[in-house]
Amino acid sequence: MPLYEHIMLARQDVSAQQVEELTAQLKGVIEQMGGKVTKLEQWGVKSLSYRLRKNRKAHFTFMNLDVPAAVINEIERQERLNEDVLRYLTVRVDELEEGPSAMLRKSDRDRDERGGGFRYEKLSSDPRAVTQSVAWLTAEPERPYTVIAKFRGAETSWCPASQPHCSLYEEAMREGADAIWMQRRDEWTRPEQWLLIQGSMKRVPPQKYESMEGVFIRYR
């Protein structure tokens, strides 16, 4: 059967759970029509180069498909009819790449460079639309709230000022959080290092890290 790479962009204000449900629906259609999904990756919420229907960001879903051409026509028809889908793209390829995609490898590499990323403990999965922005709190909120996830980890200060601790911010968006309550925050600096690379000494400058612990909350 023909081989394809397929990318779908969903609106930024739908929840990660809704994106997963939509993807599962399309996967079911593909399998019912005799096709196979050989790879499925959720790339999370990413910034767009330009606005799509007033959206500055979108949920990205990537699939490798081994399907008849009729299947592509059907899933694209369903995506056109779904108002949560902003854009889709299907490309026919000679062969499908094995292992994680380049985008997923880049995300893992970026997370490693930021100090290993965060560990999450999901506590609640009740569905609710993701907010347009996530507030940062240093004290317990006055409004009633539910804790939906805990986090603990470290990150460097490379993120833009508009999105402090960007990987943490993006995870909060994916979880549909209204706010991030920062319960503990410690700054530390890795000292200057010298590494031997291909016979030459290379200087690695000091890097500022922040170790953080807190929760994602959703207002009731």
Foldseek 3Di string as FASTA:
>chain_A
DFKKKKKWWFALFFALVVVVVLVVVLQVLQVVQPKHWPDKDWLFKDADPDDQPNGRITTMIMTIIDGDPVSVVVSVVVLVVDPRIRDMDMDTDPDDDDDDDPSVVVVCVQCVVFFNHKDKDFDDQDGDTADPAAAEAADDDPFDKDFGMKIWGKGFQPDDPVQGPPVVRRVLSNSRFNYWHWDDKDKDKDCWDWDQDPNDIDIDHITIMMTTITTGIHGD
